[in-house]
N, C-alpha and C. Protein backbone atom coordinates (compact mmCIF):
# COMPACT_ATOMS: atom_id res chain seq x y z
N LYS A 1 -13.56 9.21 -23.65
CA LYS A 1 -13.79 8.03 -22.83
C LYS A 1 -13.23 6.80 -23.54
N ILE A 2 -12.55 5.93 -22.76
CA ILE A 2 -11.99 4.69 -23.30
C ILE A 2 -12.77 3.53 -22.69
N LYS A 3 -13.32 2.65 -23.53
CA LYS A 3 -14.10 1.54 -23.01
C LYS A 3 -14.06 0.36 -23.96
N PHE A 4 -14.67 -0.76 -23.52
CA PHE A 4 -14.77 -1.99 -24.29
C PHE A 4 -13.40 -2.43 -24.84
N CYS A 5 -12.44 -2.54 -23.91
CA CYS A 5 -11.11 -3.05 -24.22
C CYS A 5 -10.31 -2.12 -25.14
N GLY A 6 -10.73 -0.88 -25.26
CA GLY A 6 -9.95 0.09 -26.02
C GLY A 6 -8.67 0.46 -25.28
N ASN A 7 -7.65 0.92 -26.01
CA ASN A 7 -6.36 1.25 -25.43
C ASN A 7 -5.92 2.66 -25.83
N MET A 8 -5.30 3.35 -24.88
CA MET A 8 -4.69 4.64 -25.14
C MET A 8 -3.23 4.58 -24.71
N TYR A 9 -2.33 5.08 -25.56
CA TYR A 9 -0.89 5.08 -25.28
C TYR A 9 -0.40 6.53 -25.23
N ILE A 10 0.21 6.89 -24.09
CA ILE A 10 0.73 8.25 -23.92
C ILE A 10 2.23 8.14 -23.69
N SER A 11 3.00 8.68 -24.62
CA SER A 11 4.46 8.57 -24.51
C SER A 11 5.10 9.95 -24.59
N SER A 12 6.39 10.01 -24.89
CA SER A 12 7.19 11.22 -24.79
C SER A 12 6.52 12.42 -25.47
N GLY A 13 6.31 13.48 -24.67
CA GLY A 13 5.71 14.69 -25.17
C GLY A 13 4.20 14.68 -25.19
N GLY A 14 3.58 13.51 -24.97
CA GLY A 14 2.12 13.42 -24.97
C GLY A 14 1.54 13.75 -23.62
N SER A 15 0.39 14.39 -23.63
CA SER A 15 -0.30 14.78 -22.39
C SER A 15 -1.80 14.68 -22.60
N VAL A 16 -2.46 14.04 -21.67
CA VAL A 16 -3.91 13.85 -21.77
C VAL A 16 -4.57 14.37 -20.49
N ASN A 17 -5.68 15.07 -20.66
CA ASN A 17 -6.39 15.65 -19.51
C ASN A 17 -7.85 15.22 -19.51
N SER A 18 -8.37 14.90 -18.34
CA SER A 18 -9.79 14.61 -18.14
C SER A 18 -10.27 13.43 -19.01
N THR A 19 -9.75 12.24 -18.70
CA THR A 19 -10.13 11.02 -19.40
C THR A 19 -10.84 10.07 -18.45
N THR A 20 -11.85 9.36 -18.95
CA THR A 20 -12.53 8.32 -18.19
C THR A 20 -12.27 6.97 -18.87
N VAL A 21 -11.90 5.98 -18.06
CA VAL A 21 -11.58 4.65 -18.59
C VAL A 21 -12.50 3.64 -17.91
N VAL A 22 -13.27 2.89 -18.71
CA VAL A 22 -14.23 1.92 -18.17
C VAL A 22 -14.20 0.65 -19.01
N ASP A 23 -14.95 -0.36 -18.56
CA ASP A 23 -15.23 -1.57 -19.35
C ASP A 23 -13.96 -2.21 -19.92
N SER A 24 -12.97 -2.44 -19.03
CA SER A 24 -11.72 -3.10 -19.40
C SER A 24 -10.87 -2.30 -20.39
N GLY A 25 -11.09 -1.01 -20.47
CA GLY A 25 -10.20 -0.16 -21.25
C GLY A 25 -8.87 0.02 -20.54
N ASN A 26 -7.83 0.42 -21.28
CA ASN A 26 -6.49 0.57 -20.74
C ASN A 26 -5.87 1.88 -21.16
N VAL A 27 -5.12 2.49 -20.22
CA VAL A 27 -4.28 3.64 -20.51
C VAL A 27 -2.85 3.28 -20.14
N TYR A 28 -1.93 3.48 -21.09
CA TYR A 28 -0.52 3.21 -20.87
C TYR A 28 0.25 4.52 -20.92
N VAL A 29 0.88 4.87 -19.79
CA VAL A 29 1.64 6.12 -19.70
C VAL A 29 3.11 5.74 -19.56
N SER A 30 3.90 6.04 -20.59
CA SER A 30 5.32 5.65 -20.60
C SER A 30 6.22 6.89 -20.55
N PHE A 31 7.50 6.69 -20.77
CA PHE A 31 8.51 7.73 -20.58
C PHE A 31 8.13 9.03 -21.27
N GLY A 32 8.08 10.11 -20.48
CA GLY A 32 7.78 11.44 -21.00
C GLY A 32 6.31 11.74 -21.18
N GLY A 33 5.44 10.76 -20.96
CA GLY A 33 4.01 10.98 -21.08
C GLY A 33 3.38 11.39 -19.76
N THR A 34 2.30 12.15 -19.82
CA THR A 34 1.59 12.59 -18.61
C THR A 34 0.09 12.46 -18.80
N ALA A 35 -0.58 12.19 -17.69
CA ALA A 35 -2.04 12.14 -17.68
C ALA A 35 -2.54 12.84 -16.43
N ASN A 36 -3.57 13.65 -16.59
CA ASN A 36 -4.09 14.43 -15.46
C ASN A 36 -5.62 14.29 -15.42
N ASN A 37 -6.15 14.22 -14.20
CA ASN A 37 -7.61 14.16 -13.99
C ASN A 37 -8.23 12.96 -14.71
N THR A 38 -7.69 11.77 -14.43
CA THR A 38 -8.20 10.53 -15.03
C THR A 38 -9.07 9.79 -14.05
N VAL A 39 -10.20 9.28 -14.52
CA VAL A 39 -11.10 8.45 -13.71
C VAL A 39 -11.07 7.04 -14.28
N ILE A 40 -10.74 6.06 -13.42
CA ILE A 40 -10.65 4.66 -13.83
C ILE A 40 -11.68 3.87 -13.03
N ASN A 41 -12.64 3.27 -13.71
CA ASN A 41 -13.60 2.41 -12.99
C ASN A 41 -14.10 1.30 -13.91
N SER A 42 -15.00 0.48 -13.38
CA SER A 42 -15.62 -0.62 -14.15
C SER A 42 -14.56 -1.45 -14.89
N TYR A 43 -13.55 -1.91 -14.13
CA TYR A 43 -12.49 -2.77 -14.65
C TYR A 43 -11.55 -2.09 -15.63
N GLY A 44 -11.58 -0.78 -15.69
CA GLY A 44 -10.56 -0.06 -16.45
C GLY A 44 -9.22 -0.14 -15.74
N ARG A 45 -8.13 0.05 -16.49
CA ARG A 45 -6.79 -0.07 -15.92
C ARG A 45 -5.87 1.03 -16.45
N MET A 46 -4.99 1.51 -15.56
CA MET A 46 -3.95 2.45 -15.95
C MET A 46 -2.60 1.83 -15.63
N HIS A 47 -1.65 1.94 -16.56
CA HIS A 47 -0.31 1.38 -16.39
C HIS A 47 0.70 2.51 -16.53
N ILE A 48 1.43 2.79 -15.46
CA ILE A 48 2.42 3.87 -15.49
C ILE A 48 3.81 3.24 -15.43
N SER A 49 4.55 3.34 -16.52
CA SER A 49 5.88 2.73 -16.58
C SER A 49 6.95 3.77 -16.33
N SER A 50 8.22 3.37 -16.39
CA SER A 50 9.34 4.24 -16.06
C SER A 50 9.31 5.53 -16.87
N GLY A 51 9.38 6.66 -16.17
CA GLY A 51 9.36 7.96 -16.82
C GLY A 51 7.98 8.52 -17.07
N GLY A 52 6.93 7.72 -16.86
CA GLY A 52 5.56 8.19 -16.99
C GLY A 52 5.10 8.89 -15.72
N SER A 53 4.17 9.83 -15.84
CA SER A 53 3.72 10.61 -14.69
C SER A 53 2.23 10.88 -14.80
N VAL A 54 1.52 10.67 -13.67
CA VAL A 54 0.09 10.95 -13.65
C VAL A 54 -0.25 11.75 -12.39
N ALA A 55 -1.31 12.54 -12.48
CA ALA A 55 -1.76 13.34 -11.34
C ALA A 55 -3.28 13.36 -11.30
N ASN A 56 -3.80 13.45 -10.07
CA ASN A 56 -5.24 13.62 -9.86
C ASN A 56 -6.04 12.48 -10.49
N THR A 57 -5.65 11.25 -10.13
CA THR A 57 -6.33 10.06 -10.63
C THR A 57 -7.32 9.55 -9.60
N THR A 58 -8.50 9.12 -10.06
CA THR A 58 -9.51 8.52 -9.19
C THR A 58 -9.74 7.07 -9.63
N LEU A 59 -9.64 6.15 -8.67
CA LEU A 59 -9.85 4.72 -8.94
C LEU A 59 -11.09 4.27 -8.18
N ALA A 60 -12.00 3.58 -8.85
CA ALA A 60 -13.23 3.14 -8.18
C ALA A 60 -13.84 1.97 -8.92
N SER A 61 -14.71 1.25 -8.23
CA SER A 61 -15.55 0.22 -8.85
C SER A 61 -14.74 -0.73 -9.74
N TYR A 62 -13.70 -1.36 -9.11
CA TYR A 62 -12.83 -2.32 -9.76
C TYR A 62 -11.90 -1.69 -10.80
N GLY A 63 -11.78 -0.39 -10.78
CA GLY A 63 -10.74 0.25 -11.57
C GLY A 63 -9.41 0.13 -10.85
N SER A 64 -8.31 0.04 -11.61
CA SER A 64 -7.00 -0.18 -10.98
C SER A 64 -5.91 0.58 -11.73
N ALA A 65 -4.82 0.79 -11.02
CA ALA A 65 -3.62 1.41 -11.61
C ALA A 65 -2.40 0.73 -11.06
N SER A 66 -1.37 0.59 -11.89
CA SER A 66 -0.10 0.01 -11.46
C SER A 66 1.02 0.96 -11.84
N ILE A 67 1.93 1.19 -10.88
CA ILE A 67 3.07 2.07 -11.10
C ILE A 67 4.32 1.20 -11.09
N SER A 68 4.98 1.10 -12.22
CA SER A 68 6.22 0.35 -12.30
C SER A 68 7.39 1.18 -11.79
N TYR A 69 8.53 0.52 -11.59
CA TYR A 69 9.73 1.21 -11.12
C TYR A 69 10.06 2.37 -12.08
N GLY A 70 10.22 3.57 -11.50
CA GLY A 70 10.50 4.75 -12.29
C GLY A 70 9.27 5.54 -12.69
N GLY A 71 8.09 4.98 -12.49
CA GLY A 71 6.85 5.71 -12.73
C GLY A 71 6.45 6.54 -11.53
N PHE A 72 5.56 7.53 -11.73
CA PHE A 72 5.20 8.46 -10.65
C PHE A 72 3.72 8.80 -10.71
N ALA A 73 3.10 8.85 -9.52
CA ALA A 73 1.71 9.28 -9.40
C ALA A 73 1.55 10.17 -8.18
N CYS A 74 0.77 11.24 -8.32
CA CYS A 74 0.48 12.09 -7.16
C CYS A 74 -1.01 12.39 -7.13
N ASN A 75 -1.48 12.65 -5.91
CA ASN A 75 -2.88 13.03 -5.68
C ASN A 75 -3.85 11.98 -6.24
N THR A 76 -3.66 10.74 -5.78
CA THR A 76 -4.55 9.65 -6.19
C THR A 76 -5.60 9.40 -5.11
N VAL A 77 -6.84 9.24 -5.53
CA VAL A 77 -7.93 8.88 -4.62
C VAL A 77 -8.43 7.48 -5.00
N ILE A 78 -8.43 6.59 -4.00
CA ILE A 78 -8.87 5.21 -4.24
C ILE A 78 -10.21 5.03 -3.53
N ASN A 79 -11.26 4.95 -4.30
CA ASN A 79 -12.59 4.77 -3.73
C ASN A 79 -12.94 3.30 -3.61
N SER A 80 -14.17 3.01 -3.22
CA SER A 80 -14.61 1.64 -2.98
C SER A 80 -14.31 0.74 -4.18
N GLN A 81 -13.62 -0.38 -3.92
CA GLN A 81 -13.25 -1.39 -4.91
C GLN A 81 -12.20 -0.92 -5.91
N GLY A 82 -11.60 0.23 -5.67
CA GLY A 82 -10.47 0.65 -6.48
C GLY A 82 -9.17 0.07 -5.92
N TYR A 83 -8.14 -0.03 -6.76
CA TYR A 83 -6.88 -0.65 -6.34
C TYR A 83 -5.69 0.03 -7.00
N LEU A 84 -4.64 0.27 -6.19
CA LEU A 84 -3.40 0.85 -6.69
C LEU A 84 -2.22 -0.01 -6.26
N SER A 85 -1.37 -0.37 -7.22
CA SER A 85 -0.15 -1.12 -6.95
C SER A 85 1.05 -0.21 -7.20
N VAL A 86 1.92 -0.08 -6.19
CA VAL A 86 3.04 0.85 -6.28
C VAL A 86 4.36 0.10 -6.22
N ASN A 87 5.05 0.06 -7.34
CA ASN A 87 6.42 -0.40 -7.38
C ASN A 87 7.35 0.72 -7.86
N GLY A 88 6.76 1.86 -8.14
CA GLY A 88 7.48 3.08 -8.45
C GLY A 88 7.34 4.07 -7.30
N MET A 89 6.83 5.28 -7.63
CA MET A 89 6.69 6.30 -6.59
C MET A 89 5.27 6.86 -6.61
N ALA A 90 4.70 7.02 -5.41
CA ALA A 90 3.38 7.62 -5.27
C ALA A 90 3.39 8.55 -4.06
N THR A 91 2.78 9.71 -4.21
CA THR A 91 2.69 10.64 -3.10
C THR A 91 1.28 11.21 -3.01
N ASP A 92 0.88 11.53 -1.80
CA ASP A 92 -0.44 12.15 -1.54
C ASP A 92 -1.58 11.26 -2.04
N THR A 93 -1.69 10.09 -1.42
CA THR A 93 -2.71 9.11 -1.78
C THR A 93 -3.74 9.00 -0.66
N ILE A 94 -5.01 8.94 -1.04
CA ILE A 94 -6.10 8.74 -0.09
C ILE A 94 -6.79 7.43 -0.41
N ILE A 95 -6.87 6.54 0.58
CA ILE A 95 -7.56 5.26 0.43
C ILE A 95 -8.86 5.34 1.21
N LYS A 96 -9.96 5.29 0.53
CA LYS A 96 -11.28 5.38 1.18
C LYS A 96 -11.85 3.99 1.44
N GLY A 97 -13.03 3.94 2.04
CA GLY A 97 -13.63 2.68 2.45
C GLY A 97 -13.69 1.66 1.34
N ASP A 98 -13.14 0.47 1.59
CA ASP A 98 -13.12 -0.66 0.67
C ASP A 98 -12.21 -0.44 -0.55
N GLY A 99 -11.41 0.61 -0.52
CA GLY A 99 -10.34 0.76 -1.50
C GLY A 99 -9.08 0.12 -0.95
N SER A 100 -8.13 -0.21 -1.84
CA SER A 100 -6.91 -0.88 -1.37
C SER A 100 -5.69 -0.44 -2.17
N MET A 101 -4.52 -0.57 -1.53
CA MET A 101 -3.25 -0.18 -2.11
C MET A 101 -2.16 -1.10 -1.62
N THR A 102 -1.26 -1.48 -2.52
CA THR A 102 -0.10 -2.30 -2.17
C THR A 102 1.18 -1.56 -2.53
N VAL A 103 2.09 -1.47 -1.57
CA VAL A 103 3.42 -0.94 -1.84
C VAL A 103 4.38 -2.13 -1.81
N GLY A 104 5.00 -2.42 -2.95
CA GLY A 104 5.81 -3.62 -3.04
C GLY A 104 7.19 -3.36 -3.58
N TYR A 105 8.02 -4.35 -3.50
CA TYR A 105 9.39 -4.39 -4.02
C TYR A 105 10.12 -3.08 -3.74
N ARG A 106 10.42 -2.27 -4.77
CA ARG A 106 11.15 -1.02 -4.58
C ARG A 106 10.22 0.18 -4.54
N GLY A 107 8.97 -0.03 -4.18
CA GLY A 107 8.00 1.05 -4.14
C GLY A 107 8.34 2.10 -3.09
N ILE A 108 8.05 3.36 -3.42
CA ILE A 108 8.23 4.48 -2.49
C ILE A 108 6.91 5.24 -2.45
N ALA A 109 6.26 5.24 -1.30
CA ALA A 109 4.99 5.93 -1.14
C ALA A 109 5.05 6.86 0.06
N SER A 110 4.54 8.06 -0.11
CA SER A 110 4.57 9.04 0.99
C SER A 110 3.22 9.73 1.11
N ASN A 111 2.92 10.17 2.32
CA ASN A 111 1.68 10.90 2.61
C ASN A 111 0.45 10.08 2.20
N ILE A 112 0.25 8.99 2.93
CA ILE A 112 -0.85 8.07 2.66
C ILE A 112 -1.91 8.21 3.75
N THR A 113 -3.11 8.55 3.36
CA THR A 113 -4.24 8.61 4.30
C THR A 113 -5.14 7.41 4.06
N VAL A 114 -5.38 6.65 5.13
CA VAL A 114 -6.23 5.45 5.02
C VAL A 114 -7.46 5.67 5.88
N ASN A 115 -8.60 5.80 5.24
CA ASN A 115 -9.85 6.00 5.96
C ASN A 115 -10.46 4.67 6.38
N SER A 116 -11.49 4.73 7.21
CA SER A 116 -12.12 3.54 7.75
C SER A 116 -12.51 2.57 6.64
N ARG A 117 -12.15 1.30 6.83
CA ARG A 117 -12.39 0.18 5.91
C ARG A 117 -11.44 0.19 4.72
N GLY A 118 -10.51 1.11 4.67
CA GLY A 118 -9.48 1.05 3.64
C GLY A 118 -8.45 -0.02 3.97
N TYR A 119 -7.68 -0.44 2.97
CA TYR A 119 -6.73 -1.54 3.14
C TYR A 119 -5.40 -1.15 2.51
N LEU A 120 -4.32 -1.22 3.30
CA LEU A 120 -2.98 -0.89 2.84
C LEU A 120 -2.05 -2.06 3.12
N VAL A 121 -1.36 -2.54 2.07
CA VAL A 121 -0.40 -3.63 2.19
C VAL A 121 1.00 -3.09 1.93
N MET A 122 1.95 -3.41 2.82
CA MET A 122 3.33 -2.98 2.64
C MET A 122 4.23 -4.20 2.67
N ASN A 123 4.70 -4.58 1.49
CA ASN A 123 5.59 -5.73 1.32
C ASN A 123 6.78 -5.25 0.52
N ILE A 124 7.67 -4.51 1.16
CA ILE A 124 8.64 -3.66 0.48
C ILE A 124 10.05 -4.23 0.59
N ASN A 125 10.80 -4.16 -0.50
CA ASN A 125 12.24 -4.40 -0.50
C ASN A 125 12.91 -3.14 -1.05
N SER A 126 13.83 -2.57 -0.29
CA SER A 126 14.58 -1.39 -0.75
C SER A 126 13.65 -0.24 -1.13
N GLY A 127 12.58 -0.06 -0.37
CA GLY A 127 11.65 1.04 -0.60
C GLY A 127 11.12 1.55 0.72
N SER A 128 10.03 2.34 0.65
CA SER A 128 9.50 2.94 1.88
C SER A 128 8.03 3.30 1.74
N ALA A 129 7.37 3.40 2.88
CA ALA A 129 6.01 3.93 2.99
C ALA A 129 6.00 4.84 4.21
N THR A 130 5.83 6.13 4.00
CA THR A 130 5.96 7.10 5.09
C THR A 130 4.77 8.05 5.11
N GLY A 131 4.63 8.71 6.25
CA GLY A 131 3.54 9.66 6.39
C GLY A 131 2.18 9.00 6.36
N ILE A 132 2.10 7.77 6.88
CA ILE A 132 0.83 7.03 6.89
C ILE A 132 -0.03 7.54 8.04
N VAL A 133 -1.25 7.90 7.72
CA VAL A 133 -2.24 8.26 8.74
C VAL A 133 -3.43 7.32 8.55
N ALA A 134 -3.52 6.32 9.41
CA ALA A 134 -4.55 5.30 9.30
C ALA A 134 -5.54 5.45 10.44
N SER A 135 -6.79 5.59 10.13
CA SER A 135 -7.82 5.78 11.15
C SER A 135 -8.29 4.43 11.68
N SER A 136 -9.10 4.48 12.71
CA SER A 136 -9.67 3.27 13.28
C SER A 136 -10.52 2.55 12.23
N GLY A 137 -10.43 1.22 12.22
CA GLY A 137 -11.25 0.43 11.31
C GLY A 137 -10.60 0.13 9.98
N VAL A 138 -9.32 0.48 9.81
CA VAL A 138 -8.63 0.13 8.57
C VAL A 138 -7.92 -1.20 8.73
N ARG A 139 -7.47 -1.76 7.61
CA ARG A 139 -6.68 -2.99 7.61
C ARG A 139 -5.27 -2.66 7.09
N LEU A 140 -4.28 -3.04 7.86
CA LEU A 140 -2.90 -2.85 7.45
C LEU A 140 -2.18 -4.21 7.45
N THR A 141 -1.45 -4.48 6.40
CA THR A 141 -0.59 -5.66 6.36
C THR A 141 0.85 -5.19 6.15
N VAL A 142 1.74 -5.58 7.06
CA VAL A 142 3.13 -5.14 7.00
C VAL A 142 4.04 -6.36 7.11
N HIS A 143 5.02 -6.46 6.22
CA HIS A 143 6.05 -7.48 6.31
C HIS A 143 7.33 -6.79 6.81
N VAL A 144 7.78 -7.19 8.00
CA VAL A 144 8.97 -6.59 8.60
C VAL A 144 10.19 -7.32 8.07
N LYS A 145 11.03 -6.60 7.33
CA LYS A 145 12.24 -7.19 6.77
C LYS A 145 13.25 -6.11 6.48
N SER A 146 14.47 -6.53 6.18
CA SER A 146 15.54 -5.57 5.96
C SER A 146 15.34 -4.83 4.64
N GLY A 147 15.94 -3.64 4.56
CA GLY A 147 15.94 -2.88 3.32
C GLY A 147 14.72 -2.03 3.10
N SER A 148 13.83 -1.91 4.08
CA SER A 148 12.63 -1.10 3.89
C SER A 148 12.40 -0.21 5.11
N TYR A 149 11.64 0.87 4.88
CA TYR A 149 11.33 1.81 5.96
C TYR A 149 9.84 2.14 5.90
N VAL A 150 9.19 2.05 7.06
CA VAL A 150 7.76 2.35 7.18
C VAL A 150 7.54 3.23 8.38
N GLN A 151 6.73 4.27 8.24
CA GLN A 151 6.50 5.20 9.35
C GLN A 151 5.10 5.79 9.24
N GLY A 152 4.43 5.88 10.39
CA GLY A 152 3.11 6.51 10.38
C GLY A 152 2.41 6.34 11.70
N SER A 153 1.07 6.42 11.66
CA SER A 153 0.26 6.24 12.85
C SER A 153 -0.99 5.45 12.50
N TYR A 154 -1.45 4.69 13.49
CA TYR A 154 -2.64 3.86 13.33
C TYR A 154 -3.57 4.16 14.50
N ASP A 155 -4.72 4.77 14.20
CA ASP A 155 -5.67 5.17 15.24
C ASP A 155 -4.98 6.02 16.30
N GLY A 156 -4.08 6.91 15.86
CA GLY A 156 -3.41 7.84 16.75
C GLY A 156 -2.14 7.33 17.39
N ALA A 157 -1.84 6.02 17.24
CA ALA A 157 -0.62 5.44 17.83
C ALA A 157 0.49 5.39 16.78
N ALA A 158 1.63 6.01 17.09
CA ALA A 158 2.74 6.07 16.14
C ALA A 158 3.45 4.74 16.04
N PHE A 159 3.94 4.42 14.83
CA PHE A 159 4.77 3.23 14.63
C PHE A 159 5.88 3.56 13.62
N GLU A 160 6.94 2.76 13.68
CA GLU A 160 8.06 2.96 12.77
C GLU A 160 8.77 1.63 12.54
N MET A 161 9.15 1.39 11.30
CA MET A 161 9.95 0.22 10.97
C MET A 161 11.20 0.69 10.23
N LYS A 162 12.35 0.40 10.81
CA LYS A 162 13.62 0.70 10.14
C LYS A 162 14.67 -0.29 10.63
N ASP A 163 15.68 -0.48 9.83
CA ASP A 163 16.75 -1.43 10.16
C ASP A 163 16.17 -2.78 10.56
N ALA A 164 15.15 -3.21 9.83
CA ALA A 164 14.50 -4.52 10.05
C ALA A 164 13.87 -4.66 11.43
N GLN A 165 13.45 -3.54 12.01
CA GLN A 165 12.80 -3.58 13.32
C GLN A 165 11.55 -2.72 13.30
N MET A 166 10.41 -3.34 13.70
CA MET A 166 9.15 -2.60 13.83
C MET A 166 8.90 -2.35 15.31
N SER A 167 8.57 -1.12 15.65
CA SER A 167 8.29 -0.79 17.05
C SER A 167 6.95 -0.09 17.17
N GLY A 168 6.20 -0.48 18.21
CA GLY A 168 4.97 0.21 18.58
C GLY A 168 3.80 -0.02 17.65
N PHE A 169 3.76 -1.13 16.93
CA PHE A 169 2.68 -1.35 15.96
C PHE A 169 1.48 -2.01 16.64
N MET A 170 0.27 -1.52 16.29
CA MET A 170 -0.96 -2.11 16.80
C MET A 170 -1.62 -2.89 15.67
N VAL A 171 -1.86 -4.18 15.94
CA VAL A 171 -2.45 -5.06 14.94
C VAL A 171 -3.90 -5.31 15.33
N ALA A 172 -4.83 -4.90 14.48
CA ALA A 172 -6.25 -5.04 14.83
C ALA A 172 -7.09 -5.07 13.56
N ASN A 173 -8.35 -5.43 13.72
CA ASN A 173 -9.33 -5.32 12.63
C ASN A 173 -8.88 -6.05 11.36
N SER A 174 -8.49 -7.31 11.53
CA SER A 174 -8.01 -8.15 10.42
C SER A 174 -6.69 -7.68 9.83
N SER A 175 -5.96 -6.82 10.53
CA SER A 175 -4.62 -6.44 10.10
C SER A 175 -3.65 -7.58 10.36
N PHE A 176 -2.49 -7.52 9.70
CA PHE A 176 -1.55 -8.63 9.73
C PHE A 176 -0.13 -8.08 9.77
N LEU A 177 0.66 -8.55 10.71
CA LEU A 177 2.07 -8.17 10.82
C LEU A 177 2.91 -9.43 10.74
N ARG A 178 3.79 -9.50 9.74
CA ARG A 178 4.66 -10.67 9.58
C ARG A 178 6.11 -10.25 9.80
N VAL A 179 6.79 -10.97 10.68
CA VAL A 179 8.19 -10.70 11.01
C VAL A 179 9.05 -11.73 10.28
N SER A 180 9.82 -11.27 9.30
CA SER A 180 10.61 -12.17 8.46
C SER A 180 11.95 -12.51 9.11
N SER A 181 12.69 -13.40 8.49
CA SER A 181 13.99 -13.80 8.99
C SER A 181 14.93 -12.60 9.12
N GLY A 182 15.57 -12.48 10.29
CA GLY A 182 16.48 -11.39 10.55
C GLY A 182 15.83 -10.12 11.01
N ALA A 183 14.50 -10.12 11.13
CA ALA A 183 13.76 -8.93 11.55
C ALA A 183 13.21 -9.10 12.96
N THR A 184 12.82 -7.97 13.57
CA THR A 184 12.33 -7.96 14.95
C THR A 184 11.12 -7.05 15.06
N ALA A 185 10.14 -7.45 15.87
CA ALA A 185 9.02 -6.59 16.24
C ALA A 185 9.00 -6.44 17.74
N ILE A 186 9.02 -5.20 18.22
CA ILE A 186 9.00 -4.95 19.66
C ILE A 186 7.80 -4.09 20.02
N ASP A 187 7.31 -4.30 21.24
CA ASP A 187 6.20 -3.52 21.79
C ASP A 187 4.98 -3.54 20.87
N THR A 188 4.66 -4.73 20.36
CA THR A 188 3.49 -4.90 19.48
C THR A 188 2.26 -5.20 20.33
N VAL A 189 1.13 -4.59 19.97
CA VAL A 189 -0.15 -4.87 20.61
C VAL A 189 -1.05 -5.52 19.56
N VAL A 190 -1.53 -6.73 19.88
CA VAL A 190 -2.40 -7.45 18.96
C VAL A 190 -3.81 -7.44 19.53
N ASN A 191 -4.70 -6.70 18.87
CA ASN A 191 -6.07 -6.59 19.34
C ASN A 191 -6.99 -7.54 18.57
N SER A 192 -8.28 -7.43 18.82
CA SER A 192 -9.26 -8.32 18.23
C SER A 192 -9.11 -8.44 16.71
N GLN A 193 -9.04 -9.68 16.22
CA GLN A 193 -8.96 -10.03 14.82
C GLN A 193 -7.62 -9.66 14.17
N GLY A 194 -6.66 -9.21 14.94
CA GLY A 194 -5.33 -8.96 14.43
C GLY A 194 -4.48 -10.21 14.51
N VAL A 195 -3.47 -10.33 13.61
CA VAL A 195 -2.58 -11.50 13.58
C VAL A 195 -1.14 -11.03 13.52
N LEU A 196 -0.31 -11.55 14.42
CA LEU A 196 1.13 -11.36 14.39
C LEU A 196 1.76 -12.71 14.07
N MET A 197 2.52 -12.79 12.97
CA MET A 197 3.18 -14.02 12.56
C MET A 197 4.69 -13.82 12.63
N VAL A 198 5.37 -14.71 13.32
CA VAL A 198 6.83 -14.66 13.43
C VAL A 198 7.40 -15.83 12.64
N SER A 199 8.09 -15.51 11.54
CA SER A 199 8.64 -16.55 10.67
C SER A 199 9.98 -17.06 11.19
N ASP A 200 10.48 -18.10 10.54
CA ASP A 200 11.78 -18.66 10.87
C ASP A 200 12.85 -17.58 10.85
N GLY A 201 13.55 -17.40 11.96
CA GLY A 201 14.58 -16.39 12.06
C GLY A 201 14.10 -15.03 12.50
N GLY A 202 12.77 -14.86 12.67
CA GLY A 202 12.21 -13.61 13.16
C GLY A 202 12.07 -13.61 14.67
N ILE A 203 11.97 -12.41 15.25
CA ILE A 203 11.87 -12.26 16.70
C ILE A 203 10.76 -11.27 17.03
N ALA A 204 9.92 -11.62 18.00
CA ALA A 204 8.94 -10.70 18.56
C ALA A 204 9.15 -10.62 20.06
N SER A 205 9.25 -9.40 20.59
CA SER A 205 9.45 -9.25 22.03
C SER A 205 8.53 -8.19 22.58
N ASN A 206 8.22 -8.34 23.86
CA ASN A 206 7.33 -7.41 24.57
C ASN A 206 5.99 -7.26 23.86
N THR A 207 5.40 -8.39 23.52
CA THR A 207 4.14 -8.40 22.77
C THR A 207 2.96 -8.54 23.73
N ILE A 208 1.91 -7.79 23.46
CA ILE A 208 0.66 -7.91 24.22
C ILE A 208 -0.41 -8.47 23.28
N ILE A 209 -1.02 -9.59 23.69
CA ILE A 209 -2.09 -10.22 22.91
C ILE A 209 -3.40 -10.02 23.67
N ASN A 210 -4.28 -9.22 23.12
CA ASN A 210 -5.57 -8.97 23.76
C ASN A 210 -6.63 -9.93 23.23
N SER A 211 -7.84 -9.81 23.76
CA SER A 211 -8.92 -10.72 23.42
C SER A 211 -9.12 -10.84 21.92
N ARG A 212 -9.13 -12.10 21.42
CA ARG A 212 -9.36 -12.45 20.03
C ARG A 212 -8.21 -12.05 19.11
N GLY A 213 -7.10 -11.62 19.67
CA GLY A 213 -5.89 -11.42 18.88
C GLY A 213 -5.14 -12.74 18.76
N ARG A 214 -4.28 -12.86 17.73
CA ARG A 214 -3.58 -14.12 17.48
C ARG A 214 -2.08 -13.89 17.29
N LEU A 215 -1.28 -14.73 17.94
CA LEU A 215 0.16 -14.77 17.74
C LEU A 215 0.52 -16.13 17.17
N MET A 216 1.17 -16.13 15.99
CA MET A 216 1.58 -17.36 15.34
C MET A 216 3.11 -17.36 15.25
N VAL A 217 3.74 -18.32 15.93
CA VAL A 217 5.19 -18.43 15.90
C VAL A 217 5.54 -19.69 15.11
N LEU A 218 6.08 -19.49 13.92
CA LEU A 218 6.43 -20.61 13.05
C LEU A 218 7.74 -21.25 13.50
N SER A 219 8.02 -22.41 12.97
CA SER A 219 9.26 -23.13 13.33
C SER A 219 10.47 -22.23 13.08
N GLY A 220 11.29 -22.07 14.13
CA GLY A 220 12.47 -21.23 14.03
C GLY A 220 12.26 -19.79 14.44
N GLY A 221 10.98 -19.39 14.62
CA GLY A 221 10.67 -18.05 15.10
C GLY A 221 10.80 -17.97 16.62
N ILE A 222 10.96 -16.75 17.14
CA ILE A 222 11.15 -16.57 18.58
C ILE A 222 10.18 -15.49 19.06
N ALA A 223 9.46 -15.77 20.14
CA ALA A 223 8.64 -14.79 20.83
C ALA A 223 9.04 -14.80 22.31
N SER A 224 9.34 -13.61 22.84
CA SER A 224 9.78 -13.54 24.23
C SER A 224 9.02 -12.43 24.95
N ASN A 225 9.03 -12.58 26.32
CA ASN A 225 8.33 -11.62 27.19
C ASN A 225 6.86 -11.50 26.82
């Protein structure tokens, strides 16, 4: 067990199994290092850098993990108050109630399950988030822009974002869809507590705004039909 600001460093040829990290402890997994069956909670942190690999990680109770470009994680479970940041690669991730995950910059995430009250943010450049299965009651934040691909379903309704165009997305339950310059959102449904924001140079068309949904069109943005 690593705790009270203790640090563990796993590098080339190193492998660690069944570790618990708590009380602001840190695990650093770098090139050639591996970690399996790690539990991170109580403000513990895991850092996976380029060439590092982790499997079967559990994040909970303000425990967090960050995957840098070139790092890899599989079979991650994010429990209540756990957090995962993906700028590398992550596959087979489960986000449970009050857990959260961000896919950013060049992040590549696949096979993401988001359970009720889970939160998934996708703010991607030159990356992707695919195989998303989001149940009713989750929060999704998506920035529609060029160079990224997003695909999945939300409460059974399929959506896809490619070539800077999002189609068929349902915004609800404090979810947020932002359409950036040069991007388009079509056939969007904004339900209660959902927000659709169209930035300068963005376009939204064929949008349905239901009760307590919000459409924000900033200067230079376009909303039609």
